[in-house]
Amino acid sequence: MPERERALQSLQSTPRDVGPTADDLLPLVARGDEAAFERLYDVVTGSVFGLIRRVLRDQAQSEEVFQEVMLEVWRTATRFDPERGSATTWILTLTHRRAVDRVRSAQAATHREDRAARLDTARPFDEVSEQVEGRLEQRQVRRCLSFLTELQRESVLLAYYQGYSYPEVSSLLGIPLGTVKTRMRDGLIRLRDCMGVTG
């Protein structure tokens, strides 16, 4: 018999020191046995972390959830009922629930952020400041319009606020086009001086 086969037979025939199982350790953990919890931690780490990793796929998140699960096992071990299933099944059920909760929480946060971004009605500062500036300018223009003569004010309002051309203003007011142009020029110069615009 070759050497390799003898070694394999030797391994198969030698009973391995399996040690305590999760079913042995969880009742001790339920009584507050810290040493049993350390052993349980070692026994279930691979399967618990593997399940979390398959659900979350993110190393950092998986590590956080793993710690949360093990803390929950420590705190709630008294709820384990061996008649309803094995300790490993109970722990893996807690694990799966916690991992799925983390996924749902992350999805809900993403949805909330997306909704908030879509519903964000707050206007950017620049837009608000432009509106305030525009309103202040409107007030200043109204104030400065009051310093014009009635004929200058009428001509400026018709041309600039109602959109009429100089010939249309002339026709509406029943005055010659040259007079309208002179009133407009004089009125705009007075407006410019009142508002402090140079150039």
C-alpha atoms as a PDB file:
ATOM      1  CA  MET A   1       0.000   0.000   0.000  1.00  0.00           C
ATOM      2  CA  PRO A   2       1.492   3.367  -0.967  1.00  0.00           C
ATOM      3  CA  GLU A   3       2.405   5.880   1.704  1.00  0.00           C
ATOM      4  CA  ARG A   4      -0.328   8.357   0.737  1.00  0.00           C
ATOM      5  CA  GLU A   5      -3.127   5.796   1.089  1.00  0.00           C
ATOM      6  CA  ARG A   6      -1.893   4.772   4.541  1.00  0.00           C
ATOM      7  CA  ALA A   7      -1.913   8.389   5.647  1.00  0.00           C
ATOM      8  CA  LEU A   8      -5.492   8.853   4.395  1.00  0.00           C
ATOM      9  CA  GLN A   9      -6.663   5.687   6.177  1.00  0.00           C
ATOM     10  CA  SER A  10      -4.967   6.808   9.316  1.00  0.00           C
ATOM     11  CA  LEU A  11      -6.837  10.137   9.193  1.00  0.00           C
ATOM     12  CA  GLN A  12     -10.162   8.434   8.538  1.00  0.00           C
ATOM     13  CA  SER A  13      -9.790   5.931  11.317  1.00  0.00           C
ATOM     14  CA  THR A  14      -8.540   8.437  13.902  1.00  0.00           C
ATOM     15  CA  PRO A  15     -11.433  10.168  15.601  1.00  0.00           C
ATOM     16  CA  ARG A  16     -10.964  13.928  15.380  1.00  0.00           C
ATOM     17  CA  ASP A  17     -11.242  16.040  18.479  1.00  0.00           C
ATOM     18  CA  VAL A  18     -14.322  17.930  17.347  1.00  0.00           C
ATOM     19  CA  GLY A  19     -14.867  19.796  20.586  1.00  0.00           C
ATOM     20  CA  PRO A  20     -18.137  21.283  21.764  1.00  0.00           C
ATOM     21  CA  THR A  21     -20.739  22.266  19.188  1.00  0.00           C
ATOM     22  CA  ALA A  22     -22.934  25.335  19.073  1.00  0.00           C
ATOM     23  CA  ASP A  23     -25.699  23.193  20.603  1.00  0.00           C
ATOM     24  CA  ASP A  24     -23.427  22.447  23.557  1.00  0.00           C
ATOM     25  CA  LEU A  25     -22.228  26.022  24.005  1.00  0.00           C
ATOM     26  CA  LEU A  26     -25.341  28.166  23.507  1.00  0.00           C
ATOM     27  CA  PRO A  27     -27.095  27.012  26.720  1.00  0.00           C
ATOM     28  CA  LEU A  28     -23.920  27.912  28.640  1.00  0.00           C
ATOM     29  CA  VAL A  29     -23.838  31.314  26.933  1.00  0.00           C
ATOM     30  CA  ALA A  30     -27.462  31.801  27.990  1.00  0.00           C
ATOM     31  CA  ARG A  31     -26.250  31.485  31.595  1.00  0.00           C
ATOM     32  CA  GLY A  32     -23.605  34.183  31.046  1.00  0.00           C
ATOM     33  CA  ASP A  33     -20.585  31.909  30.576  1.00  0.00           C
ATOM     34  CA  GLU A  34     -18.024  34.133  28.825  1.00  0.00           C
ATOM     35  CA  ALA A  35     -15.612  31.272  28.100  1.00  0.00           C
ATOM     36  CA  ALA A  36     -18.436  29.366  26.376  1.00  0.00           C
ATOM     37  CA  PHE A  37     -19.214  32.486  24.345  1.00  0.00           C
ATOM     38  CA  GLU A  38     -15.582  32.717  23.221  1.00  0.00           C
ATOM     39  CA  ARG A  39     -15.699  29.096  22.074  1.00  0.00           C
ATOM     40  CA  LEU A  40     -19.088  29.628  20.400  1.00  0.00           C
ATOM     41  CA  TYR A  41     -17.651  32.674  18.634  1.00  0.00           C
ATOM     42  CA  ASP A  42     -14.861  30.514  17.203  1.00  0.00           C
ATOM     43  CA  VAL A  43     -17.266  27.720  16.231  1.00  0.00           C
ATOM     44  CA  VAL A  44     -19.755  29.900  14.293  1.00  0.00           C
ATOM     45  CA  THR A  45     -17.527  32.659  12.905  1.00  0.00           C
ATOM     46  CA  GLY A  46     -17.027  31.057   9.487  1.00  0.00           C
ATOM     47  CA  SER A  47     -20.664  30.283   8.763  1.00  0.00           C
ATOM     48  CA  VAL A  48     -22.020  33.528  10.252  1.00  0.00           C
ATOM     49  CA  PHE A  49     -19.539  35.794   8.483  1.00  0.00           C
ATOM     50  CA  GLY A  50     -19.913  33.847   5.228  1.00  0.00           C
ATOM     51  CA  LEU A  51     -23.692  34.299   5.257  1.00  0.00           C
ATOM     52  CA  ILE A  52     -23.408  38.003   6.001  1.00  0.00           C
ATOM     53  CA  ARG A  53     -20.828  38.463   3.263  1.00  0.00           C
ATOM     54  CA  ARG A  54     -23.079  36.733   0.709  1.00  0.00           C
ATOM     55  CA  VAL A  55     -25.962  39.067   1.592  1.00  0.00           C
ATOM     56  CA  LEU A  56     -24.046  42.357   1.924  1.00  0.00           C
ATOM     57  CA  ARG A  57     -20.998  41.934  -0.347  1.00  0.00           C
ATOM     58  CA  ASP A  58     -19.243  44.792   1.417  1.00  0.00           C
ATOM     59  CA  GLN A  59     -16.382  43.913   3.734  1.00  0.00           C
ATOM     60  CA  ALA A  60     -16.778  46.818   6.160  1.00  0.00           C
ATOM     61  CA  GLN A  61     -20.563  46.451   6.393  1.00  0.00           C
ATOM     62  CA  SER A  62     -20.168  42.690   6.835  1.00  0.00           C
ATOM     63  CA  GLU A  63     -17.767  43.157   9.728  1.00  0.00           C
ATOM     64  CA  GLU A  64     -20.154  45.585  11.450  1.00  0.00           C
ATOM     65  CA  VAL A  65     -23.127  43.267  11.039  1.00  0.00           C
ATOM     66  CA  PHE A  66     -21.054  40.317  12.245  1.00  0.00           C
ATOM     67  CA  GLN A  67     -20.264  42.150  15.471  1.00  0.00           C
ATOM     68  CA  GLU A  68     -23.935  43.124  15.863  1.00  0.00           C
ATOM     69  CA  VAL A  69     -25.021  39.503  15.373  1.00  0.00           C
ATOM     70  CA  MET A  70     -22.557  38.154  17.905  1.00  0.00           C
ATOM     71  CA  LEU A  71     -23.635  40.805  20.402  1.00  0.00           C
ATOM     72  CA  GLU A  72     -27.260  39.834  19.789  1.00  0.00           C
ATOM     73  CA  VAL A  73     -26.374  36.151  20.328  1.00  0.00           C
ATOM     74  CA  TRP A  74     -24.785  37.063  23.674  1.00  0.00           C
ATOM     75  CA  ARG A  75     -27.759  39.178  24.750  1.00  0.00           C
ATOM     76  CA  THR A  76     -30.557  36.908  23.532  1.00  0.00           C
ATOM     77  CA  ALA A  77     -29.127  33.416  24.051  1.00  0.00           C
ATOM     78  CA  THR A  78     -31.819  32.771  26.662  1.00  0.00           C
ATOM     79  CA  ARG A  79     -34.446  32.879  23.873  1.00  0.00           C
ATOM     80  CA  PHE A  80     -32.937  29.863  22.124  1.00  0.00           C
ATOM     81  CA  ASP A  81     -35.284  26.862  22.254  1.00  0.00           C
ATOM     82  CA  PRO A  82     -33.501  23.574  21.355  1.00  0.00           C
ATOM     83  CA  GLU A  83     -36.865  21.947  20.628  1.00  0.00           C
ATOM     84  CA  ARG A  84     -37.422  24.317  17.691  1.00  0.00           C
ATOM     85  CA  GLY A  85     -34.079  23.699  15.969  1.00  0.00           C
ATOM     86  CA  SER A  86     -30.343  23.627  16.340  1.00  0.00           C
ATOM     87  CA  ALA A  87     -28.261  26.432  17.836  1.00  0.00           C
ATOM     88  CA  THR A  88     -26.501  26.948  14.517  1.00  0.00           C
ATOM     89  CA  THR A  89     -29.828  27.337  12.719  1.00  0.00           C
ATOM     90  CA  TRP A  90     -31.008  29.822  15.361  1.00  0.00           C
ATOM     91  CA  ILE A  91     -27.794  31.860  15.047  1.00  0.00           C
ATOM     92  CA  LEU A  92     -27.895  31.796  11.246  1.00  0.00           C
ATOM     93  CA  THR A  93     -31.530  32.932  11.299  1.00  0.00           C
ATOM     94  CA  LEU A  94     -30.526  35.910  13.479  1.00  0.00           C
ATOM     95  CA  THR A  95     -27.645  36.528  11.095  1.00  0.00           C
ATOM     96  CA  HIS A  96     -29.775  36.484   7.974  1.00  0.00           C
ATOM     97  CA  ARG A  97     -32.379  38.789   9.498  1.00  0.00           C
ATOM     98  CA  ARG A  98     -29.727  41.276  10.619  1.00  0.00           C
ATOM     99  CA  ALA A  99     -27.993  41.247   7.206  1.00  0.00           C
ATOM    100  CA  VAL A 100     -31.272  41.727   5.343  1.00  0.00           C
ATOM    101  CA  ASP A 101     -32.210  44.541   7.747  1.00  0.00           C
ATOM    102  CA  ARG A 102     -28.916  46.258   6.877  1.00  0.00           C
ATOM    103  CA  VAL A 103     -29.617  45.934   3.144  1.00  0.00           C
ATOM    104  CA  ARG A 104     -33.134  47.320   3.583  1.00  0.00           C
ATOM    105  CA  SER A 105     -31.846  50.139   5.755  1.00  0.00           C
ATOM    106  CA  ALA A 106     -29.256  51.102   3.139  1.00  0.00           C
ATOM    107  CA  GLN A 107     -31.887  50.972   0.379  1.00  0.00           C
ATOM    108  CA  ALA A 108     -34.308  53.082   2.429  1.00  0.00           C
ATOM    109  CA  ALA A 109     -31.585  55.647   3.099  1.00  0.00           C
ATOM    110  CA  THR A 110     -30.781  55.817  -0.607  1.00  0.00           C
ATOM    111  CA  HIS A 111     -34.478  56.232  -1.466  1.00  0.00           C
ATOM    112  CA  ARG A 112     -34.858  58.964   1.176  1.00  0.00           C
ATOM    113  CA  GLU A 113     -31.843  60.815  -0.186  1.00  0.00           C
ATOM    114  CA  ASP A 114     -33.147  60.514  -3.746  1.00  0.00           C
ATOM    115  CA  ARG A 115     -36.601  61.770  -2.722  1.00  0.00           C
ATOM    116  CA  ALA A 116     -35.079  64.615  -0.736  1.00  0.00           C
ATOM    117  CA  ALA A 117     -32.943  65.601  -3.700  1.00  0.00           C
ATOM    118  CA  ARG A 118     -35.974  65.592  -5.999  1.00  0.00           C
ATOM    119  CA  LEU A 119     -38.144  67.490  -3.542  1.00  0.00           C
ATOM    120  CA  ASP A 120     -35.470  69.944  -2.538  1.00  0.00           C
ATOM    121  CA  THR A 121     -37.267  73.217  -2.983  1.00  0.00           C
ATOM    122  CA  ALA A 122     -34.588  75.320  -1.385  1.00  0.00           C
ATOM    123  CA  ARG A 123     -33.265  77.645  -3.997  1.00  0.00           C
ATOM    124  CA  PRO A 124     -29.538  78.150  -4.333  1.00  0.00           C
ATOM    125  CA  PHE A 125     -28.126  81.201  -2.588  1.00  0.00           C
ATOM    126  CA  ASP A 126     -27.220  82.871  -5.887  1.00  0.00           C
ATOM    127  CA  GLU A 127     -30.790  82.652  -7.147  1.00  0.00           C
ATOM    128  CA  VAL A 128     -32.179  84.152  -3.945  1.00  0.00           C
ATOM    129  CA  SER A 129     -29.606  86.936  -3.878  1.00  0.00           C
ATOM    130  CA  GLU A 130     -30.334  87.730  -7.535  1.00  0.00           C
ATOM    131  CA  GLN A 131     -34.044  88.001  -6.784  1.00  0.00           C
ATOM    132  CA  VAL A 132     -33.409  90.284  -3.826  1.00  0.00           C
ATOM    133  CA  GLU A 133     -31.081  92.406  -5.914  1.00  0.00           C
ATOM    134  CA  GLY A 134     -33.667  92.542  -8.697  1.00  0.00           C
ATOM    135  CA  ARG A 135     -36.381  93.682  -6.303  1.00  0.00           C
ATOM    136  CA  LEU A 136     -34.138  96.368  -4.860  1.00  0.00           C
ATOM    137  CA  GLU A 137     -33.349  97.580  -8.371  1.00  0.00           C
ATOM    138  CA  GLN A 138     -37.079  97.631  -9.203  1.00  0.00           C
ATOM    139  CA  ARG A 139     -37.742  99.804  -6.154  1.00  0.00           C
ATOM    140  CA  GLN A 140     -34.908 102.112  -7.094  1.00  0.00           C
ATOM    141  CA  VAL A 141     -36.183 102.388 -10.698  1.00  0.00           C
ATOM    142  CA  ARG A 142     -39.698 103.210  -9.428  1.00  0.00           C
ATOM    143  CA  ARG A 143     -38.277 105.843  -7.122  1.00  0.00           C
ATOM    144  CA  CYS A 144     -36.166 107.335  -9.905  1.00  0.00           C
ATOM    145  CA  LEU A 145     -39.119 107.311 -12.326  1.00  0.00           C
ATOM    146  CA  SER A 146     -40.903 109.635  -9.926  1.00  0.00           C
ATOM    147  CA  PHE A 147     -38.188 112.267 -10.576  1.00  0.00           C
ATOM    148  CA  LEU A 148     -38.929 112.367 -14.322  1.00  0.00           C
ATOM    149  CA  THR A 149     -41.382 114.779 -15.869  1.00  0.00           C
ATOM    150  CA  GLU A 150     -44.781 113.323 -16.716  1.00  0.00           C
ATOM    151  CA  LEU A 151     -43.942 113.334 -20.451  1.00  0.00           C
ATOM    152  CA  GLN A 152     -40.554 111.617 -19.887  1.00  0.00           C
ATOM    153  CA  ARG A 153     -42.102 109.008 -17.553  1.00  0.00           C
ATOM    154  CA  GLU A 154     -44.893 108.182 -20.028  1.00  0.00           C
ATOM    155  CA  SER A 155     -42.436 107.706 -22.886  1.00  0.00           C
ATOM    156  CA  VAL A 156     -40.043 105.521 -20.858  1.00  0.00           C
ATOM    157  CA  LEU A 157     -42.864 103.345 -19.439  1.00  0.00           C
ATOM    158  CA  LEU A 158     -44.441 102.771 -22.851  1.00  0.00           C
ATOM    159  CA  ALA A 159     -41.123 101.943 -24.526  1.00  0.00           C
ATOM    160  CA  TYR A 160     -39.383  99.921 -21.803  1.00  0.00           C
ATOM    161  CA  TYR A 161     -42.162  98.386 -19.725  1.00  0.00           C
ATOM    162  CA  GLN A 162     -44.834  97.862 -22.344  1.00  0.00           C
ATOM    163  CA  GLY A 163     -42.559  97.140 -25.270  1.00  0.00           C
ATOM    164  CA  TYR A 164     -43.686  99.808 -27.725  1.00  0.00           C
ATOM    165  CA  SER A 165     -41.307 101.123 -30.364  1.00  0.00           C
ATOM    166  CA  TYR A 166     -40.516 104.857 -30.610  1.00  0.00           C
ATOM    167  CA  PRO A 167     -42.889 105.354 -33.592  1.00  0.00           C
ATOM    168  CA  GLU A 168     -45.660 103.493 -31.648  1.00  0.00           C
ATOM    169  CA  VAL A 169     -45.063 105.708 -28.590  1.00  0.00           C
ATOM    170  CA  SER A 170     -45.264 108.730 -30.879  1.00  0.00           C
ATOM    171  CA  SER A 171     -48.580 107.535 -32.278  1.00  0.00           C
ATOM    172  CA  LEU A 172     -50.039 106.615 -28.857  1.00  0.00           C
ATOM    173  CA  LEU A 173     -49.122 109.971 -27.302  1.00  0.00           C
ATOM    174  CA  GLY A 174     -49.971 111.971 -30.427  1.00  0.00           C
ATOM    175  CA  ILE A 175     -46.624 113.773 -30.514  1.00  0.00           C
ATOM    176  CA  PRO A 176     -43.883 113.932 -33.177  1.00  0.00           C
ATOM    177  CA  LEU A 177     -41.283 111.116 -33.252  1.00  0.00           C
ATOM    178  CA  GLY A 178     -38.406 113.577 -32.673  1.00  0.00           C
ATOM    179  CA  THR A 179     -40.076 114.797 -29.469  1.00  0.00           C
ATOM    180  CA  VAL A 180     -40.453 111.210 -28.232  1.00  0.00           C
ATOM    181  CA  LYS A 181     -36.763 110.526 -28.902  1.00  0.00           C
ATOM    182  CA  THR A 182     -35.740 113.696 -27.052  1.00  0.00           C
ATOM    183  CA  ARG A 183     -37.982 112.860 -24.036  1.00  0.00           C
ATOM    184  CA  MET A 184     -36.649 109.313 -24.002  1.00  0.00           C
ATOM    185  CA  ARG A 185     -33.015 110.452 -24.151  1.00  0.00           C
ATOM    186  CA  ASP A 186     -33.505 113.059 -21.408  1.00  0.00           C
ATOM    187  CA  GLY A 187     -35.537 110.641 -19.276  1.00  0.00           C
ATOM    188  CA  LEU A 188     -32.959 107.846 -19.580  1.00  0.00           C
ATOM    189  CA  ILE A 189     -30.126 110.256 -18.684  1.00  0.00           C
ATOM    190  CA  ARG A 190     -32.017 111.335 -15.542  1.00  0.00           C
ATOM    191  CA  LEU A 191     -32.738 107.665 -14.652  1.00  0.00           C
ATOM    192  CA  ARG A 192     -29.081 106.756 -15.122  1.00  0.00           C
ATOM    193  CA  ASP A 193     -27.929 109.651 -12.927  1.00  0.00           C
ATOM    194  CA  CYS A 194     -30.543 108.821 -10.248  1.00  0.00           C
ATOM    195  CA  MET A 195     -29.517 105.170 -10.135  1.00  0.00           C
ATOM    196  CA  GLY A 196     -25.810 105.996 -10.043  1.00  0.00           C
ATOM    197  CA  VAL A 197     -24.975 104.130 -13.234  1.00  0.00           C
ATOM    198  CA  THR A 198     -21.823 105.395 -14.927  1.00  0.00           C
ATOM    199  CA  GLY A 199     -21.023 105.217 -18.619  1.00  0.00           C
END
